[in-house]
N, C-alpha and C. Protein backbone atom coordinates (compact mmCIF):
# COMPACT_ATOMS: atom_id res chain seq x y z
N UNK A 1 38.27 79.62 -4.16
CA UNK A 1 37.85 80.71 -4.51
C UNK A 1 37.38 82.07 -3.58
N UNK A 2 36.95 83.14 -4.21
CA UNK A 2 36.72 84.06 -4.03
C UNK A 2 35.61 84.26 -2.72
N UNK A 3 35.80 85.13 -2.12
CA UNK A 3 34.55 85.00 -0.97
C UNK A 3 33.64 86.22 -2.07
N UNK A 4 32.23 85.85 -2.26
CA UNK A 4 31.40 86.54 -3.31
C UNK A 4 30.67 87.17 -2.26
N UNK A 5 30.65 86.89 -1.03
CA UNK A 5 29.61 87.63 -0.36
C UNK A 5 30.13 89.15 0.09
N UNK A 6 31.70 88.44 1.21
CA UNK A 6 31.91 89.88 2.38
C UNK A 6 32.83 90.77 1.46
N UNK A 7 33.66 91.88 2.37
CA UNK A 7 34.65 92.11 1.57
C UNK A 7 34.19 93.08 0.62
N UNK A 8 34.93 93.23 -0.07
CA UNK A 8 34.82 94.03 -1.65
C UNK A 8 34.24 93.31 -2.45
N UNK A 9 34.07 91.78 -2.34
CA UNK A 9 33.12 91.07 -3.43
C UNK A 9 31.97 90.93 -3.03
N UNK A 10 31.17 91.95 -1.73
CA UNK A 10 30.22 92.14 -1.84
C UNK A 10 28.87 92.47 -3.04
N UNK A 11 29.55 93.25 -4.08
CA UNK A 11 29.58 93.73 -4.98
C UNK A 11 28.22 92.46 -6.07
N UNK A 12 28.58 91.28 -5.30
CA UNK A 12 28.12 90.28 -6.12
C UNK A 12 26.13 89.80 -5.38
N UNK A 13 26.72 89.81 -4.71
CA UNK A 13 24.72 90.52 -3.57
C UNK A 13 24.00 91.76 -3.87
N UNK A 14 25.07 92.90 -3.77
CA UNK A 14 24.24 94.01 -3.90
C UNK A 14 23.77 93.76 -5.78
N UNK A 15 24.65 93.53 -6.63
CA UNK A 15 24.04 93.89 -8.06
C UNK A 15 23.34 92.93 -8.07
N UNK A 16 23.00 91.59 -7.66
CA UNK A 16 22.14 90.35 -7.66
C UNK A 16 20.66 90.99 -7.09
N UNK A 17 20.77 91.97 -6.08
CA UNK A 17 19.07 92.48 -5.32
C UNK A 17 18.76 93.58 -6.09
N UNK A 18 19.70 94.54 -6.70
CA UNK A 18 19.27 95.37 -7.83
C UNK A 18 19.26 95.31 -8.98
N UNK A 19 19.57 94.07 -9.68
CA UNK A 19 19.74 94.07 -10.80
C UNK A 19 18.60 93.42 -11.67
N UNK A 20 17.98 93.05 -12.80
CA UNK A 20 16.90 92.19 -13.53
C UNK A 20 17.74 90.79 -13.84
N UNK A 21 18.75 90.42 -13.76
CA UNK A 21 19.22 89.63 -14.22
C UNK A 21 19.49 88.77 -12.88
N UNK A 22 20.21 89.85 -11.75
CA UNK A 22 20.61 89.13 -10.62
C UNK A 22 18.85 88.17 -9.85
N UNK A 23 18.26 89.46 -10.31
CA UNK A 23 16.57 88.42 -10.14
C UNK A 23 16.37 87.54 -10.46
N UNK A 24 16.34 86.99 -11.58
CA UNK A 24 16.04 86.02 -12.43
C UNK A 24 17.05 84.89 -12.64
N UNK A 25 18.29 85.22 -12.20
CA UNK A 25 19.45 84.01 -12.13
C UNK A 25 19.35 83.34 -13.29
N UNK A 26 19.39 84.08 -14.73
CA UNK A 26 19.65 83.38 -15.73
C UNK A 26 21.15 82.91 -16.24
N UNK A 27 21.04 82.07 -17.02
CA UNK A 27 22.11 80.96 -17.30
C UNK A 27 22.98 82.47 -17.97
N UNK A 28 22.61 82.92 -19.01
CA UNK A 28 23.66 83.68 -19.94
C UNK A 28 23.69 85.24 -19.16
N UNK A 29 23.20 85.31 -17.63
CA UNK A 29 23.68 86.88 -17.38
C UNK A 29 24.84 87.24 -17.03
N UNK A 30 25.29 88.76 -17.22
CA UNK A 30 26.64 88.74 -16.99
C UNK A 30 26.98 88.54 -15.45
N UNK A 31 26.33 88.28 -15.00
CA UNK A 31 27.04 87.70 -12.96
C UNK A 31 27.53 86.43 -13.43
N UNK A 32 26.64 85.75 -13.77
CA UNK A 32 27.09 83.96 -14.15
C UNK A 32 27.95 84.69 -14.91
N UNK A 33 28.43 84.96 -15.85
CA UNK A 33 29.65 85.17 -17.07
C UNK A 33 30.70 85.24 -16.02
N UNK A 34 30.36 86.53 -15.14
CA UNK A 34 31.30 86.69 -14.62
C UNK A 34 32.46 85.84 -13.54
N UNK A 35 31.68 84.51 -13.00
CA UNK A 35 31.48 83.69 -11.99
C UNK A 35 32.10 82.48 -12.78
N UNK A 36 31.43 82.03 -14.20
CA UNK A 36 32.37 81.14 -14.84
C UNK A 36 33.84 81.81 -15.40
N UNK A 37 33.90 82.81 -15.71
CA UNK A 37 35.32 83.66 -16.10
C UNK A 37 36.43 83.51 -14.56
N UNK A 38 35.58 83.67 -13.30
CA UNK A 38 36.34 83.29 -11.72
C UNK A 38 36.71 81.84 -12.16
N UNK A 39 35.66 80.82 -11.83
CA UNK A 39 36.19 79.55 -11.71
C UNK A 39 37.03 79.11 -12.79
N UNK A 40 37.22 79.41 -13.76
CA UNK A 40 38.00 79.10 -15.28
C UNK A 40 39.10 79.76 -14.54
N UNK A 41 39.62 80.75 -14.11
CA UNK A 41 40.75 81.46 -13.74
C UNK A 41 41.47 79.96 -12.38
N UNK A 42 40.18 80.21 -11.42
CA UNK A 42 40.81 79.16 -10.55
C UNK A 42 41.57 77.88 -10.95
N UNK A 43 40.26 77.40 -11.82
CA UNK A 43 40.79 75.80 -12.07
C UNK A 43 42.41 75.86 -13.08
N UNK A 44 42.76 77.32 -14.00
CA UNK A 44 43.76 77.53 -14.60
C UNK A 44 45.20 77.45 -13.75
N UNK A 45 44.83 77.75 -12.29
CA UNK A 45 46.20 77.74 -11.27
C UNK A 45 46.51 76.89 -10.78
N UNK A 46 47.71 76.62 -11.07
CA UNK A 46 48.74 75.46 -10.88
C UNK A 46 48.30 75.03 -9.45
N UNK A 47 47.86 75.38 -8.38
CA UNK A 47 47.56 75.44 -7.39
C UNK A 47 46.28 74.29 -7.46
N UNK A 48 45.37 74.45 -8.43
CA UNK A 48 44.28 73.48 -8.36
C UNK A 48 44.72 72.32 -8.98
N UNK A 49 43.65 71.36 -8.50
CA UNK A 49 43.65 70.31 -9.08
C UNK A 49 42.62 70.05 -10.66
N UNK A 50 41.82 71.13 -10.84
CA UNK A 50 40.87 71.26 -11.81
C UNK A 50 39.69 70.26 -10.89
N UNK A 51 39.58 69.87 -9.81
CA UNK A 51 38.23 69.36 -9.38
C UNK A 51 37.29 70.11 -8.73
N UNK A 52 36.57 71.30 -9.07
CA UNK A 52 35.97 72.41 -8.34
C UNK A 52 34.42 72.32 -7.47
N UNK A 53 34.66 72.55 -6.32
CA UNK A 53 33.14 72.97 -5.28
C UNK A 53 32.70 74.15 -5.18
N UNK A 54 31.96 74.50 -4.71
CA UNK A 54 31.49 75.67 -4.65
C UNK A 54 30.20 75.92 -3.85
N UNK A 55 30.53 76.87 -2.52
CA UNK A 55 29.50 76.94 -1.54
C UNK A 55 28.70 78.20 -2.07
N UNK A 56 27.35 77.92 -2.02
CA UNK A 56 26.77 79.74 -1.96
C UNK A 56 25.56 80.20 -1.06
N UNK A 57 25.96 80.81 -0.05
CA UNK A 57 24.77 81.16 0.71
C UNK A 57 24.11 82.39 0.26
N UNK A 58 22.54 82.08 0.62
CA UNK A 58 22.08 83.15 0.43
C UNK A 58 21.86 83.58 -1.02
N UNK A 59 22.32 84.99 -1.28
CA UNK A 59 22.09 85.42 -2.38
C UNK A 59 23.36 84.87 -3.62
N UNK A 60 23.95 84.46 -3.21
CA UNK A 60 24.93 83.92 -3.87
C UNK A 60 24.76 82.11 -4.11
N UNK A 61 24.27 81.85 -3.66
CA UNK A 61 23.47 80.62 -3.58
C UNK A 61 22.74 80.28 -5.51
N UNK A 62 22.19 80.97 -6.13
CA UNK A 62 21.70 81.02 -7.05
C UNK A 62 22.98 80.69 -8.11
N UNK A 63 24.18 81.47 -7.71
CA UNK A 63 25.33 80.72 -8.55
C UNK A 63 25.35 79.76 -8.75
N UNK A 64 25.50 78.85 -7.85
CA UNK A 64 25.89 77.31 -7.70
C UNK A 64 24.88 76.80 -8.32
N UNK A 65 23.77 77.10 -8.54
CA UNK A 65 22.94 76.50 -9.15
C UNK A 65 23.05 76.22 -10.59
N UNK A 66 23.41 77.54 -11.56
CA UNK A 66 23.84 77.80 -12.06
C UNK A 66 25.20 77.44 -12.75
N UNK A 67 26.38 77.51 -11.69
CA UNK A 67 27.88 76.83 -11.64
C UNK A 67 27.63 75.01 -11.42
N UNK A 68 26.32 74.53 -11.20
CA UNK A 68 26.53 72.95 -11.15
C UNK A 68 25.80 72.89 -12.08
N UNK A 69 25.81 72.99 -13.23
CA UNK A 69 25.66 72.74 -14.49
C UNK A 69 27.39 72.37 -16.02
N UNK A 70 27.77 72.58 -15.12
CA UNK A 70 29.36 72.96 -15.25
C UNK A 70 29.83 71.24 -15.13
N UNK A 71 30.77 71.09 -16.28
CA UNK A 71 31.01 69.69 -15.73
C UNK A 71 32.08 68.99 -14.86
N UNK A 72 32.94 70.27 -14.88
CA UNK A 72 33.79 70.24 -13.87
C UNK A 72 33.13 70.56 -12.38
N UNK A 73 32.14 71.55 -12.21
CA UNK A 73 31.42 71.71 -11.01
C UNK A 73 31.44 70.02 -10.19
N UNK A 74 31.77 69.68 -9.28
CA UNK A 74 31.90 68.68 -8.59
C UNK A 74 31.03 68.57 -7.69
N UNK A 75 31.15 69.28 -6.82
CA UNK A 75 30.93 69.35 -5.56
C UNK A 75 29.99 70.77 -5.28
N UNK A 76 28.71 71.04 -6.03
CA UNK A 76 28.07 72.21 -5.62
C UNK A 76 27.14 72.31 -4.62
N UNK A 77 26.98 73.34 -3.63
CA UNK A 77 26.48 72.85 -2.31
C UNK A 77 25.88 74.78 -2.30
N UNK A 78 24.33 74.39 -2.18
CA UNK A 78 23.66 75.85 -1.30
C UNK A 78 22.90 75.58 -0.25
N UNK A 79 22.85 76.96 0.24
CA UNK A 79 22.53 77.27 2.02
C UNK A 79 21.54 78.42 1.42
N UNK A 80 20.37 77.78 1.73
CA UNK A 80 19.69 78.65 1.50
C UNK A 80 19.44 79.55 0.59
N UNK A 81 19.38 79.22 -0.95
CA UNK A 81 19.10 80.62 -2.15
C UNK A 81 18.57 81.00 -2.30
N UNK A 82 18.39 82.25 -2.48
CA UNK A 82 17.63 83.18 -2.18
C UNK A 82 18.09 84.09 -4.08
N UNK A 83 19.02 84.06 -4.17
CA UNK A 83 18.99 84.47 -5.78
C UNK A 83 18.19 83.97 -6.61
N UNK A 84 17.57 84.46 -7.62
CA UNK A 84 16.86 83.73 -8.76
C UNK A 84 15.32 83.62 -8.25
N UNK A 85 15.17 84.69 -8.04
CA UNK A 85 12.93 84.59 -7.87
C UNK A 85 12.46 83.99 -8.51
N UNK A 86 12.92 83.47 -9.37
CA UNK A 86 11.84 82.97 -10.92
C UNK A 86 12.15 81.56 -10.37
N UNK A 87 10.52 80.65 -10.71
CA UNK A 87 10.45 79.29 -10.37
C UNK A 87 11.49 78.90 -8.94
N UNK A 88 12.19 78.02 -9.26
CA UNK A 88 12.97 76.62 -8.15
C UNK A 88 14.07 78.15 -7.97
N UNK A 89 14.88 78.78 -8.60
CA UNK A 89 15.88 79.91 -8.57
C UNK A 89 16.67 79.98 -10.41
N UNK A 90 16.00 79.38 -10.94
CA UNK A 90 16.53 79.73 -12.15
C UNK A 90 15.14 80.12 -13.28
N UNK A 91 15.55 80.79 -14.48
CA UNK A 91 14.13 80.85 -15.23
C UNK A 91 13.37 79.70 -15.47
N UNK A 92 12.33 79.86 -15.36
CA UNK A 92 11.40 78.55 -16.18
C UNK A 92 11.71 77.92 -17.26
N UNK A 93 12.21 78.93 -18.27
CA UNK A 93 12.57 77.80 -19.81
C UNK A 93 13.94 77.40 -19.78
N UNK A 94 14.66 77.38 -18.64
CA UNK A 94 16.18 77.19 -18.14
C UNK A 94 15.71 75.61 -18.04
N UNK A 95 16.63 74.75 -18.21
CA UNK A 95 16.91 73.22 -17.61
C UNK A 95 18.06 73.15 -16.58
N UNK A 96 17.60 72.24 -15.73
CA UNK A 96 18.15 71.90 -15.07
C UNK A 96 19.11 70.41 -15.16
N UNK A 97 18.84 69.97 -16.56
CA UNK A 97 19.04 68.57 -16.79
C UNK A 97 20.57 68.48 -16.65
N UNK A 98 21.14 69.80 -16.68
CA UNK A 98 22.94 69.12 -17.01
C UNK A 98 23.24 69.12 -15.62
N UNK A 99 23.17 69.37 -14.16
CA UNK A 99 22.93 69.07 -13.17
C UNK A 99 23.65 68.22 -12.80
N UNK A 100 24.43 67.31 -12.34
CA UNK A 100 24.80 66.17 -11.86
C UNK A 100 24.07 65.29 -10.30
N UNK A 101 24.73 66.53 -9.73
CA UNK A 101 24.44 66.62 -8.26
C UNK A 101 24.77 68.07 -7.94
N UNK A 102 23.81 68.18 -6.40
CA UNK A 102 23.21 69.43 -5.52
C UNK A 102 23.13 69.22 -4.16
N UNK A 103 24.08 69.67 -3.35
CA UNK A 103 23.98 69.26 -2.13
C UNK A 103 23.04 70.80 -1.39
N UNK A 104 21.63 70.93 -0.84
CA UNK A 104 21.42 71.87 -0.31
C UNK A 104 20.86 71.86 0.80
N UNK A 105 20.85 72.95 1.82
CA UNK A 105 20.79 73.24 3.45
C UNK A 105 19.80 73.84 2.90
N UNK A 106 18.41 73.76 3.66
CA UNK A 106 17.36 75.03 3.57
C UNK A 106 17.01 75.27 5.23
N UNK A 107 16.03 76.04 5.79
CA UNK A 107 15.20 76.35 6.68
C UNK A 107 14.36 75.74 6.73
N UNK A 108 13.25 75.35 7.25
CA UNK A 108 12.49 75.31 7.36
C UNK A 108 11.27 76.03 7.35
N UNK A 109 11.33 77.46 7.81
CA UNK A 109 10.77 78.71 7.73
C UNK A 109 11.91 79.76 7.77
N UNK A 110 11.84 79.98 6.26
CA UNK A 110 12.84 81.05 5.48
C UNK A 110 12.02 81.97 4.80
N UNK A 111 11.76 83.53 5.24
CA UNK A 111 11.21 84.41 4.37
C UNK A 111 11.96 84.71 3.00
N UNK A 112 13.44 84.68 3.04
CA UNK A 112 14.01 85.05 1.91
C UNK A 112 14.61 83.71 0.73
N UNK A 113 14.03 82.38 1.13
CA UNK A 113 14.20 81.44 0.63
C UNK A 113 12.80 80.52 0.45
N UNK A 114 11.71 80.95 0.02
CA UNK A 114 10.50 80.46 0.54
C UNK A 114 10.63 78.88 0.35
N UNK A 115 9.45 78.24 0.85
CA UNK A 115 9.39 76.62 0.76
C UNK A 115 9.34 76.07 -0.53
N UNK A 116 8.13 76.94 -0.86
CA UNK A 116 7.60 76.93 -2.18
C UNK A 116 9.18 76.54 -3.41
N UNK A 117 9.88 77.55 -3.67
CA UNK A 117 10.99 77.76 -4.54
C UNK A 117 11.90 76.15 -4.46
N UNK A 118 12.11 76.18 -2.72
CA UNK A 118 13.03 75.37 -2.47
C UNK A 118 12.39 73.94 -2.58
N UNK A 119 10.91 73.70 -2.46
CA UNK A 119 10.79 72.32 -2.93
C UNK A 119 10.42 72.20 -4.18
N UNK A 120 10.36 72.93 -5.62
CA UNK A 120 9.98 73.02 -6.90
C UNK A 120 11.54 72.70 -6.96
N UNK A 121 12.98 73.49 -6.65
CA UNK A 121 14.21 72.89 -7.05
C UNK A 121 13.93 71.62 -7.00
N UNK A 122 14.11 71.15 -5.70
CA UNK A 122 14.28 69.64 -4.94
C UNK A 122 13.04 68.22 -5.87
N UNK A 123 12.23 69.04 -5.98
CA UNK A 123 11.28 68.13 -6.86
C UNK A 123 11.75 68.07 -8.54
N UNK A 124 12.95 69.46 -9.13
CA UNK A 124 13.04 69.39 -10.60
C UNK A 124 14.09 68.39 -10.23
N UNK A 125 15.34 68.22 -9.10
CA UNK A 125 16.49 67.73 -9.59
C UNK A 125 16.28 66.60 -9.23
N UNK A 126 15.21 66.11 -8.27
CA UNK A 126 14.80 64.36 -7.93
C UNK A 126 16.09 63.65 -7.16
N UNK A 127 16.07 62.37 -7.85
CA UNK A 127 17.88 62.15 -6.82
C UNK A 127 18.84 62.56 -7.16
N UNK A 128 19.40 63.98 -8.00
CA UNK A 128 20.44 64.32 -8.10
C UNK A 128 20.44 65.39 -7.14
N UNK A 129 19.76 65.54 -6.44
CA UNK A 129 19.75 66.57 -5.35
C UNK A 129 19.91 65.72 -3.58
N UNK A 130 20.54 66.50 -2.69
CA UNK A 130 21.03 65.87 -1.33
C UNK A 130 20.18 67.17 -0.87
N UNK A 131 19.07 66.77 -0.23
CA UNK A 131 18.15 67.95 0.67
C UNK A 131 18.13 67.75 1.92
N UNK A 132 18.83 68.98 2.59
CA UNK A 132 18.28 68.75 4.60
C UNK A 132 17.54 70.11 4.49
N UNK A 133 16.50 70.00 5.54
CA UNK A 133 15.72 71.14 6.09
C UNK A 133 15.99 70.94 7.58
N UNK A 134 16.37 72.25 8.03
CA UNK A 134 16.98 72.34 9.35
C UNK A 134 15.40 73.17 10.37
N UNK A 135 15.60 73.15 11.28
CA UNK A 135 14.60 73.72 12.12
C UNK A 135 15.38 75.07 13.02
N UNK A 136 16.06 76.14 11.92
CA UNK A 136 16.81 77.04 12.46
C UNK A 136 16.60 78.28 11.86
N UNK A 137 17.03 79.53 11.77
CA UNK A 137 16.76 80.56 11.04
C UNK A 137 17.58 80.49 9.72
N UNK A 138 17.70 81.73 8.51
CA UNK A 138 18.56 81.58 7.66
C UNK A 138 19.37 82.17 8.05
N UNK A 139 20.57 81.73 7.71
CA UNK A 139 21.94 82.34 8.22
C UNK A 139 23.06 81.26 8.72
N UNK A 140 22.80 80.15 8.36
CA UNK A 140 23.64 78.56 8.99
C UNK A 140 24.98 78.91 8.57
N UNK A 141 25.87 79.59 7.90
CA UNK A 141 26.99 80.23 8.49
C UNK A 141 27.39 81.66 8.54
N UNK A 142 26.25 82.28 8.96
CA UNK A 142 26.88 83.51 9.48
C UNK A 142 26.01 83.87 10.72
N UNK A 143 24.67 84.26 10.42
CA UNK A 143 24.01 84.65 11.39
C UNK A 143 23.62 83.55 12.25
N UNK A 144 23.49 82.42 12.25
CA UNK A 144 22.81 81.23 12.87
C UNK A 144 24.33 80.59 13.17
N UNK A 145 25.35 80.77 13.05
CA UNK A 145 26.29 79.74 13.00
C UNK A 145 26.92 78.96 14.28
N UNK A 146 26.05 79.75 15.32
CA UNK A 146 26.59 79.12 16.60
C UNK A 146 25.67 78.14 17.17
N UNK A 147 24.39 77.89 16.05
CA UNK A 147 23.70 76.62 16.55
C UNK A 147 24.55 75.39 16.72
N UNK A 148 23.81 74.20 17.36
CA UNK A 148 24.05 73.02 17.01
C UNK A 148 23.93 72.54 15.68
N UNK A 149 22.82 72.92 15.27
CA UNK A 149 22.60 72.20 13.52
C UNK A 149 23.84 72.89 12.60
N UNK A 150 23.99 74.48 12.74
CA UNK A 150 24.93 74.77 11.99
C UNK A 150 25.87 73.97 12.05
N UNK A 151 26.28 73.38 13.39
CA UNK A 151 27.72 72.19 12.83
C UNK A 151 27.23 71.32 11.78
N UNK A 152 26.35 70.58 12.47
CA UNK A 152 25.69 69.35 11.29
C UNK A 152 25.36 69.89 9.73
N UNK A 153 25.30 71.07 9.51
CA UNK A 153 25.16 71.86 8.00
C UNK A 153 26.78 71.47 8.05
N UNK A 154 27.70 72.38 8.38
CA UNK A 154 29.08 72.32 7.95
C UNK A 154 29.74 71.21 7.80
N UNK A 155 29.32 69.99 8.42
CA UNK A 155 29.86 68.69 8.53
C UNK A 155 29.23 68.22 7.57
N UNK A 156 28.28 68.50 7.14
CA UNK A 156 27.74 67.15 5.72
C UNK A 156 28.28 67.72 4.99
N UNK A 157 28.50 69.25 5.04
CA UNK A 157 28.90 70.11 3.46
C UNK A 157 30.78 69.24 3.33
N UNK A 158 31.88 69.33 4.52
CA UNK A 158 32.95 69.12 4.31
C UNK A 158 32.77 67.40 4.14
N UNK A 159 32.15 66.89 4.20
CA UNK A 159 31.62 64.94 4.11
C UNK A 159 31.70 65.03 2.36
N UNK A 160 30.47 65.69 1.99
CA UNK A 160 29.87 66.22 0.60
C UNK A 160 31.51 66.57 -0.41
N UNK A 161 32.34 67.91 0.20
CA UNK A 161 33.42 67.69 -0.52
C UNK A 161 34.37 66.29 -0.84
N UNK A 162 34.55 66.26 0.74
CA UNK A 162 35.28 64.84 0.70
C UNK A 162 35.07 63.82 -0.44
N UNK A 163 33.66 63.24 -0.16
CA UNK A 163 33.28 62.60 -0.86
C UNK A 163 33.44 62.61 -2.51
N UNK A 164 33.02 63.92 -3.09
CA UNK A 164 32.66 63.94 -4.50
C UNK A 164 34.15 64.58 -4.90
N UNK A 165 34.88 65.69 -4.00
CA UNK A 165 36.28 65.66 -4.97
C UNK A 165 36.97 65.26 -4.82
N UNK A 166 37.34 64.11 -4.01
CA UNK A 166 38.42 63.07 -3.99
C UNK A 166 37.90 61.75 -4.85
N UNK A 167 36.83 61.73 -5.56
CA UNK A 167 36.09 60.26 -5.77
C UNK A 167 37.26 60.28 -6.97
N UNK A 168 37.27 59.50 -7.44
CA UNK A 168 38.08 58.68 -9.21
C UNK A 168 39.80 59.42 -9.05
N UNK A 169 40.30 60.25 -7.75
CA UNK A 169 41.22 60.94 -7.73
C UNK A 169 42.60 59.69 -7.87
N UNK A 170 43.83 59.67 -9.14
CA UNK A 170 44.35 58.29 -9.20
C UNK A 170 45.40 58.99 -7.90
């Protein structure tokens, strides 16, 4: 999957910050339609086994919430979602009922993803979310990647991918 944060794809983060569609993270926004198109292209690639996982950190975390609604998104992971400033990270009028499972990692004190939004998402998903909260700063795989808990975040992510993406594979 393309890295939607660094390199030339930084456009997704910048567009999310400055566009109304990005701030609301509406399911039918042009940004989310583009992500669906990217996932469909990945799934159609002959090197793909059609079992999709996705990680989103900070601004790209909101995309993962929306993509977790797909039937083929088997291992969606967010690290402190900052995209989607409404409600839990998606507009209040949108259902999260289609989300089968989501693994979420959050910082205990995070100005970019306040506890209120984190807790609302956890409450809405109930037993469909594996929620982890850490006492370290924002940026588990970037700014704070050298901290011991960051290694735990990564290991839990890898374990989740292993479990969810290999489940029921013939």
